[in-house]
Amino acid sequence: MSKVRRVGRVKHKYSRKKNTNYFYGYKPGRHIWCEGPSEIYTALMLEFDDTILTYTDQILTFELQDQQGNLFCYTPDLLALELTIFDWTVIESKTQFYQMSEEDIALLKWAFKTQHGKTFRHIVPENECSAFRLKNYETLYRYLKLCPTQALPIVTAKILCGDALTFEDFRLALIKNNIDEAIAFAYLAHRLAIFDFDEPLTDSTIVEFI
């Protein structure tokens, strides 16, 4: 079996200025490097994916072989620990306009499965999520840092607001009871109150408590 070696990332001055972003991941509990919007959107998807326990950025380079036995190295964009298989999944994130070829995807899926026992995923965020869902992830992401039940227990929220209401009703009910309206956003971010992520989040959006 091919060895896996840990390598440091090389951050060239040009790419750091133009393409590389420092993104704080609440699941890993640290900042990670994301090169371009596709990796940022993929990280946002992982933050809101309940099957993902944690994830990390480019910390490993894998040595692989193709079907002809030729050696090559591959550094994934992200590695995600999936609860469904409790193993790390290798992720390559691309934009709609710069996707991997089907041949390369097939090669990497085969190589990782046969040589490292790992799943390879090619993710194009725009192909997996609606534009509204990605926008909602961007809006709610910052509220993941809050623990809403400390400020407003679920039972109390249901008493104050009922089981189904508009998002505006939810916010105003909190404000009336001297609770920061940020808690309403945190309830949605942590999926303690749910809404249709594929529709715009507005004051008239219907939310329901779990």
C-alpha atoms as a PDB file:
ATOM      1  CA  MET A   1       0.000   0.000   0.000  1.00  0.00           C
ATOM      2  CA  SER A   2       1.228   3.497  -0.798  1.00  0.00           C
ATOM      3  CA  LYS A   3       2.423   5.592   2.090  1.00  0.00           C
ATOM      4  CA  VAL A   4       0.740   8.776   3.213  1.00  0.00           C
ATOM      5  CA  ARG A   5       3.038  11.611   4.139  1.00  0.00           C
ATOM      6  CA  ARG A   6       2.221  14.851   5.900  1.00  0.00           C
ATOM      7  CA  VAL A   7       3.276  17.967   4.053  1.00  0.00           C
ATOM      8  CA  GLY A   8       3.049  21.670   4.701  1.00  0.00           C
ATOM      9  CA  ARG A   9       1.108  23.939   2.388  1.00  0.00           C
ATOM     10  CA  VAL A  10       3.062  26.292   0.180  1.00  0.00           C
ATOM     11  CA  LYS A  11       1.291  29.661   0.169  1.00  0.00           C
ATOM     12  CA  HIS A  12       2.745  31.725  -2.639  1.00  0.00           C
ATOM     13  CA  LYS A  13       2.484  35.468  -2.253  1.00  0.00           C
ATOM     14  CA  TYR A  14       0.386  35.857  -5.391  1.00  0.00           C
ATOM     15  CA  SER A  15      -2.124  33.117  -4.574  1.00  0.00           C
ATOM     16  CA  ARG A  16      -2.476  34.264  -0.978  1.00  0.00           C
ATOM     17  CA  LYS A  17      -3.379  37.748  -2.162  1.00  0.00           C
ATOM     18  CA  LYS A  18      -5.645  36.764  -5.024  1.00  0.00           C
ATOM     19  CA  ASN A  19      -7.146  33.358  -4.312  1.00  0.00           C
ATOM     20  CA  THR A  20      -6.625  32.090  -0.770  1.00  0.00           C
ATOM     21  CA  ASN A  21      -9.087  32.852   2.034  1.00  0.00           C
ATOM     22  CA  TYR A  22      -8.859  32.232   5.750  1.00  0.00           C
ATOM     23  CA  PHE A  23     -12.146  30.547   6.737  1.00  0.00           C
ATOM     24  CA  TYR A  24     -13.107  29.706  10.309  1.00  0.00           C
ATOM     25  CA  GLY A  25     -14.619  26.242  10.594  1.00  0.00           C
ATOM     26  CA  TYR A  26     -16.833  25.789  13.652  1.00  0.00           C
ATOM     27  CA  LYS A  27     -16.763  21.991  13.370  1.00  0.00           C
ATOM     28  CA  PRO A  28     -12.942  21.715  13.313  1.00  0.00           C
ATOM     29  CA  GLY A  29     -12.719  24.668  15.709  1.00  0.00           C
ATOM     30  CA  ARG A  30      -9.982  26.457  13.806  1.00  0.00           C
ATOM     31  CA  HIS A  31      -9.230  28.490  10.693  1.00  0.00           C
ATOM     32  CA  ILE A  32      -8.653  26.603   7.465  1.00  0.00           C
ATOM     33  CA  TRP A  33      -7.289  27.735   4.101  1.00  0.00           C
ATOM     34  CA  CYS A  34      -9.788  27.810   1.229  1.00  0.00           C
ATOM     35  CA  GLU A  35      -8.591  28.554  -2.289  1.00  0.00           C
ATOM     36  CA  GLY A  36     -11.419  30.334  -4.047  1.00  0.00           C
ATOM     37  CA  PRO A  37     -15.203  30.454  -3.619  1.00  0.00           C
ATOM     38  CA  SER A  38     -15.790  26.785  -4.494  1.00  0.00           C
ATOM     39  CA  GLU A  39     -13.819  25.626  -1.431  1.00  0.00           C
ATOM     40  CA  ILE A  40     -15.540  28.206   0.788  1.00  0.00           C
ATOM     41  CA  TYR A  41     -18.972  27.041  -0.357  1.00  0.00           C
ATOM     42  CA  THR A  42     -17.937  23.418   0.122  1.00  0.00           C
ATOM     43  CA  ALA A  43     -16.791  24.205   3.665  1.00  0.00           C
ATOM     44  CA  LEU A  44     -20.157  25.905   4.305  1.00  0.00           C
ATOM     45  CA  MET A  45     -21.938  22.799   3.039  1.00  0.00           C
ATOM     46  CA  LEU A  46     -19.895  20.644   5.414  1.00  0.00           C
ATOM     47  CA  GLU A  47     -20.728  22.959   8.329  1.00  0.00           C
ATOM     48  CA  PHE A  48     -24.451  22.407   7.731  1.00  0.00           C
ATOM     49  CA  ASP A  49     -24.217  18.689   6.854  1.00  0.00           C
ATOM     50  CA  ASP A  50     -25.301  16.604   9.850  1.00  0.00           C
ATOM     51  CA  THR A  51     -23.478  13.539   8.483  1.00  0.00           C
ATOM     52  CA  ILE A  52     -20.122  15.343   8.772  1.00  0.00           C
ATOM     53  CA  LEU A  53     -18.485  15.295  12.210  1.00  0.00           C
ATOM     54  CA  THR A  54     -15.522  17.492  11.279  1.00  0.00           C
ATOM     55  CA  TYR A  55     -13.273  18.375   8.352  1.00  0.00           C
ATOM     56  CA  THR A  56      -9.852  19.775   7.606  1.00  0.00           C
ATOM     57  CA  ASP A  57      -7.950  21.490   4.805  1.00  0.00           C
ATOM     58  CA  GLN A  58      -4.902  20.479   2.757  1.00  0.00           C
ATOM     59  CA  ILE A  59      -2.751  18.760   5.380  1.00  0.00           C
ATOM     60  CA  LEU A  60      -2.027  15.481   3.569  1.00  0.00           C
ATOM     61  CA  THR A  61      -0.544  14.452   0.259  1.00  0.00           C
ATOM     62  CA  PHE A  62      -1.397  10.921  -0.874  1.00  0.00           C
ATOM     63  CA  GLU A  63       0.849   8.768  -3.034  1.00  0.00           C
ATOM     64  CA  LEU A  64      -1.235   6.807  -5.545  1.00  0.00           C
ATOM     65  CA  GLN A  65      -0.840   4.566  -8.575  1.00  0.00           C
ATOM     66  CA  ASP A  66      -2.898   4.495 -11.748  1.00  0.00           C
ATOM     67  CA  GLN A  67      -4.030   1.255 -13.395  1.00  0.00           C
ATOM     68  CA  GLN A  68      -0.708   1.021 -15.251  1.00  0.00           C
ATOM     69  CA  GLY A  69       1.270   1.242 -12.020  1.00  0.00           C
ATOM     70  CA  ASN A  70       2.481   4.804 -12.568  1.00  0.00           C
ATOM     71  CA  LEU A  71       2.991   6.702  -9.292  1.00  0.00           C
ATOM     72  CA  PHE A  72       1.488  10.140  -8.734  1.00  0.00           C
ATOM     73  CA  CYS A  73       0.810  12.408  -5.758  1.00  0.00           C
ATOM     74  CA  TYR A  74      -2.489  14.048  -4.931  1.00  0.00           C
ATOM     75  CA  THR A  75      -3.338  16.686  -2.304  1.00  0.00           C
ATOM     76  CA  PRO A  76      -7.105  16.970  -1.698  1.00  0.00           C
ATOM     77  CA  ASP A  77      -8.802  20.296  -1.082  1.00  0.00           C
ATOM     78  CA  LEU A  78     -10.553  18.988   2.030  1.00  0.00           C
ATOM     79  CA  LEU A  79     -10.890  15.853   4.133  1.00  0.00           C
ATOM     80  CA  ALA A  80     -14.239  15.252   5.883  1.00  0.00           C
ATOM     81  CA  LEU A  81     -14.966  12.758   8.652  1.00  0.00           C
ATOM     82  CA  GLU A  82     -18.311  11.172   7.763  1.00  0.00           C
ATOM     83  CA  LEU A  83     -20.452   9.704  10.518  1.00  0.00           C
ATOM     84  CA  THR A  84     -22.159   7.265   8.139  1.00  0.00           C
ATOM     85  CA  ILE A  85     -18.893   5.402   7.514  1.00  0.00           C
ATOM     86  CA  PHE A  86     -16.813   6.930  10.339  1.00  0.00           C
ATOM     87  CA  ASP A  87     -13.878   7.465   8.040  1.00  0.00           C
ATOM     88  CA  TRP A  88     -12.286  10.366   6.218  1.00  0.00           C
ATOM     89  CA  THR A  89     -13.649  11.181   2.768  1.00  0.00           C
ATOM     90  CA  VAL A  90     -11.337  12.847   0.255  1.00  0.00           C
ATOM     91  CA  ILE A  91     -12.871  15.950  -1.346  1.00  0.00           C
ATOM     92  CA  GLU A  92     -11.927  17.863  -4.471  1.00  0.00           C
ATOM     93  CA  SER A  93     -13.942  21.080  -4.869  1.00  0.00           C
ATOM     94  CA  LYS A  94     -14.363  22.716  -8.270  1.00  0.00           C
ATOM     95  CA  THR A  95     -16.394  25.488  -9.868  1.00  0.00           C
ATOM     96  CA  GLN A  96     -18.998  24.941 -12.562  1.00  0.00           C
ATOM     97  CA  PHE A  97     -16.569  26.300 -15.125  1.00  0.00           C
ATOM     98  CA  TYR A  98     -13.545  24.274 -14.045  1.00  0.00           C
ATOM     99  CA  GLN A  99     -14.725  20.758 -13.280  1.00  0.00           C
ATOM    100  CA  MET A 100     -12.605  17.637 -13.269  1.00  0.00           C
ATOM    101  CA  SER A 101     -12.933  15.292 -16.218  1.00  0.00           C
ATOM    102  CA  GLU A 102     -14.949  12.100 -15.786  1.00  0.00           C
ATOM    103  CA  GLU A 103     -11.753  10.157 -16.499  1.00  0.00           C
ATOM    104  CA  ASP A 104      -9.859  11.861 -13.666  1.00  0.00           C
ATOM    105  CA  ILE A 105     -12.771  11.431 -11.253  1.00  0.00           C
ATOM    106  CA  ALA A 106     -12.981   7.718 -12.055  1.00  0.00           C
ATOM    107  CA  LEU A 107      -9.219   7.310 -11.600  1.00  0.00           C
ATOM    108  CA  LEU A 108      -9.187   9.021  -8.201  1.00  0.00           C
ATOM    109  CA  LYS A 109     -12.253   7.110  -6.980  1.00  0.00           C
ATOM    110  CA  TRP A 110     -10.610   3.832  -7.976  1.00  0.00           C
ATOM    111  CA  ALA A 111      -7.163   4.712  -6.609  1.00  0.00           C
ATOM    112  CA  PHE A 112      -8.376   5.927  -3.228  1.00  0.00           C
ATOM    113  CA  LYS A 113     -10.752   2.999  -2.737  1.00  0.00           C
ATOM    114  CA  THR A 114      -8.291   0.285  -3.760  1.00  0.00           C
ATOM    115  CA  GLN A 115      -5.092   1.759  -2.284  1.00  0.00           C
ATOM    116  CA  HIS A 116      -6.294   3.620   0.814  1.00  0.00           C
ATOM    117  CA  GLY A 117      -9.806   2.308   1.413  1.00  0.00           C
ATOM    118  CA  LYS A 118     -11.227   5.813   1.199  1.00  0.00           C
ATOM    119  CA  THR A 119     -14.085   7.484  -0.629  1.00  0.00           C
ATOM    120  CA  PHE A 120     -13.343  10.260  -3.118  1.00  0.00           C
ATOM    121  CA  ARG A 121     -15.892  13.005  -3.771  1.00  0.00           C
ATOM    122  CA  HIS A 122     -15.804  15.610  -6.525  1.00  0.00           C
ATOM    123  CA  ILE A 123     -17.956  18.506  -5.308  1.00  0.00           C
ATOM    124  CA  VAL A 124     -19.260  21.381  -7.389  1.00  0.00           C
ATOM    125  CA  PRO A 125     -21.308  23.361  -4.825  1.00  0.00           C
ATOM    126  CA  GLU A 126     -23.557  24.977  -7.431  1.00  0.00           C
ATOM    127  CA  ASN A 127     -24.478  21.522  -8.754  1.00  0.00           C
ATOM    128  CA  GLU A 128     -25.346  20.158  -5.297  1.00  0.00           C
ATOM    129  CA  CYS A 129     -27.130  23.149  -3.743  1.00  0.00           C
ATOM    130  CA  SER A 130     -29.516  25.780  -4.995  1.00  0.00           C
ATOM    131  CA  ALA A 131     -28.317  29.385  -5.065  1.00  0.00           C
ATOM    132  CA  PHE A 132     -30.821  30.195  -2.305  1.00  0.00           C
ATOM    133  CA  ARG A 133     -29.467  27.400  -0.076  1.00  0.00           C
ATOM    134  CA  LEU A 134     -25.882  28.587  -0.494  1.00  0.00           C
ATOM    135  CA  LYS A 135     -26.991  32.153   0.291  1.00  0.00           C
ATOM    136  CA  ASN A 136     -28.803  30.951   3.416  1.00  0.00           C
ATOM    137  CA  TYR A 137     -25.686  29.074   4.499  1.00  0.00           C
ATOM    138  CA  GLU A 138     -23.697  32.306   4.120  1.00  0.00           C
ATOM    139  CA  THR A 139     -26.278  34.248   6.149  1.00  0.00           C
ATOM    140  CA  LEU A 140     -26.579  31.747   9.005  1.00  0.00           C
ATOM    141  CA  TYR A 141     -22.967  30.578   9.177  1.00  0.00           C
ATOM    142  CA  ARG A 142     -21.854  33.328  11.593  1.00  0.00           C
ATOM    143  CA  TYR A 143     -24.573  32.318  14.080  1.00  0.00           C
ATOM    144  CA  LEU A 144     -23.143  28.823  14.495  1.00  0.00           C
ATOM    145  CA  LYS A 145     -20.846  30.310  17.139  1.00  0.00           C
ATOM    146  CA  LEU A 146     -23.862  30.936  19.409  1.00  0.00           C
ATOM    147  CA  CYS A 147     -25.463  28.359  21.689  1.00  0.00           C
ATOM    148  CA  PRO A 148     -29.108  29.470  21.422  1.00  0.00           C
ATOM    149  CA  THR A 149     -30.592  27.119  24.020  1.00  0.00           C
ATOM    150  CA  GLN A 150     -28.522  28.806  26.732  1.00  0.00           C
ATOM    151  CA  ALA A 151     -30.401  32.037  26.076  1.00  0.00           C
ATOM    152  CA  LEU A 152     -33.721  30.470  25.107  1.00  0.00           C
ATOM    153  CA  PRO A 153     -34.560  26.827  25.944  1.00  0.00           C
ATOM    154  CA  ILE A 154     -36.631  25.082  23.282  1.00  0.00           C
ATOM    155  CA  VAL A 155     -39.602  24.582  25.622  1.00  0.00           C
ATOM    156  CA  THR A 156     -39.619  28.301  26.428  1.00  0.00           C
ATOM    157  CA  ALA A 157     -39.359  29.201  22.751  1.00  0.00           C
ATOM    158  CA  LYS A 158     -42.408  27.082  21.950  1.00  0.00           C
ATOM    159  CA  ILE A 159     -44.370  28.709  24.752  1.00  0.00           C
ATOM    160  CA  LEU A 160     -43.393  32.206  23.615  1.00  0.00           C
ATOM    161  CA  CYS A 161     -43.836  31.674  19.910  1.00  0.00           C
ATOM    162  CA  GLY A 162     -45.947  28.589  19.221  1.00  0.00           C
ATOM    163  CA  ASP A 163     -45.049  25.719  16.883  1.00  0.00           C
ATOM    164  CA  ALA A 164     -45.309  27.533  13.537  1.00  0.00           C
ATOM    165  CA  LEU A 165     -44.832  31.217  12.753  1.00  0.00           C
ATOM    166  CA  THR A 166     -43.076  33.626  10.457  1.00  0.00           C
ATOM    167  CA  PHE A 167     -39.454  34.493  11.070  1.00  0.00           C
ATOM    168  CA  GLU A 168     -40.520  38.077  11.835  1.00  0.00           C
ATOM    169  CA  ASP A 169     -42.936  36.811  14.511  1.00  0.00           C
ATOM    170  CA  PHE A 170     -40.088  34.796  16.002  1.00  0.00           C
ATOM    171  CA  ARG A 171     -37.690  37.742  16.119  1.00  0.00           C
ATOM    172  CA  LEU A 172     -40.289  40.148  17.534  1.00  0.00           C
ATOM    173  CA  ALA A 173     -41.290  37.657  20.230  1.00  0.00           C
ATOM    174  CA  LEU A 174     -37.679  37.470  21.370  1.00  0.00           C
ATOM    175  CA  ILE A 175     -37.201  41.240  21.297  1.00  0.00           C
ATOM    176  CA  LYS A 176     -40.399  41.686  23.330  1.00  0.00           C
ATOM    177  CA  ASN A 177     -38.916  39.388  25.979  1.00  0.00           C
ATOM    178  CA  ASN A 178     -35.543  41.183  25.993  1.00  0.00           C
ATOM    179  CA  ILE A 179     -33.774  38.388  24.099  1.00  0.00           C
ATOM    180  CA  ASP A 180     -31.341  39.352  21.332  1.00  0.00           C
ATOM    181  CA  GLU A 181     -32.848  38.636  17.902  1.00  0.00           C
ATOM    182  CA  ALA A 182     -29.541  36.974  16.967  1.00  0.00           C
ATOM    183  CA  ILE A 183     -30.864  33.975  18.903  1.00  0.00           C
ATOM    184  CA  ALA A 184     -33.597  33.601  16.266  1.00  0.00           C
ATOM    185  CA  PHE A 185     -30.912  33.298  13.572  1.00  0.00           C
ATOM    186  CA  ALA A 186     -28.957  30.887  15.778  1.00  0.00           C
ATOM    187  CA  TYR A 187     -32.042  28.684  16.158  1.00  0.00           C
ATOM    188  CA  LEU A 188     -32.185  28.394  12.367  1.00  0.00           C
ATOM    189  CA  ALA A 189     -28.423  27.896  12.016  1.00  0.00           C
ATOM    190  CA  HIS A 190     -28.482  24.988  14.485  1.00  0.00           C
ATOM    191  CA  ARG A 191     -31.689  23.594  12.929  1.00  0.00           C
ATOM    192  CA  LEU A 192     -33.603  23.906  16.211  1.00  0.00           C
ATOM    193  CA  ALA A 193     -36.174  25.774  14.150  1.00  0.00           C
ATOM    194  CA  ILE A 194     -36.481  24.705  10.535  1.00  0.00           C
ATOM    195  CA  PHE A 195     -37.452  26.377   7.287  1.00  0.00           C
ATOM    196  CA  ASP A 196     -37.068  25.675   3.583  1.00  0.00           C
ATOM    197  CA  PHE A 197     -33.356  26.244   2.946  1.00  0.00           C
ATOM    198  CA  ASP A 198     -34.028  26.334  -0.795  1.00  0.00           C
ATOM    199  CA  GLU A 199     -36.140  29.481  -0.493  1.00  0.00           C
ATOM    200  CA  PRO A 200     -34.974  32.995   0.468  1.00  0.00           C
ATOM    201  CA  LEU A 201     -34.886  33.681   4.202  1.00  0.00           C
ATOM    202  CA  THR A 202     -37.111  36.732   4.781  1.00  0.00           C
ATOM    203  CA  ASP A 203     -39.352  38.058   7.556  1.00  0.00           C
ATOM    204  CA  SER A 204     -42.294  36.208   5.979  1.00  0.00           C
ATOM    205  CA  THR A 205     -40.488  32.847   5.914  1.00  0.00           C
ATOM    206  CA  ILE A 206     -42.413  30.181   7.842  1.00  0.00           C
ATOM    207  CA  VAL A 207     -40.335  28.493  10.558  1.00  0.00           C
ATOM    208  CA  GLU A 208     -41.237  25.521  12.735  1.00  0.00           C
ATOM    209  CA  PHE A 209     -39.626  24.232  15.906  1.00  0.00           C
ATOM    210  CA  ILE A 210     -38.350  20.672  15.905  1.00  0.00           C
END
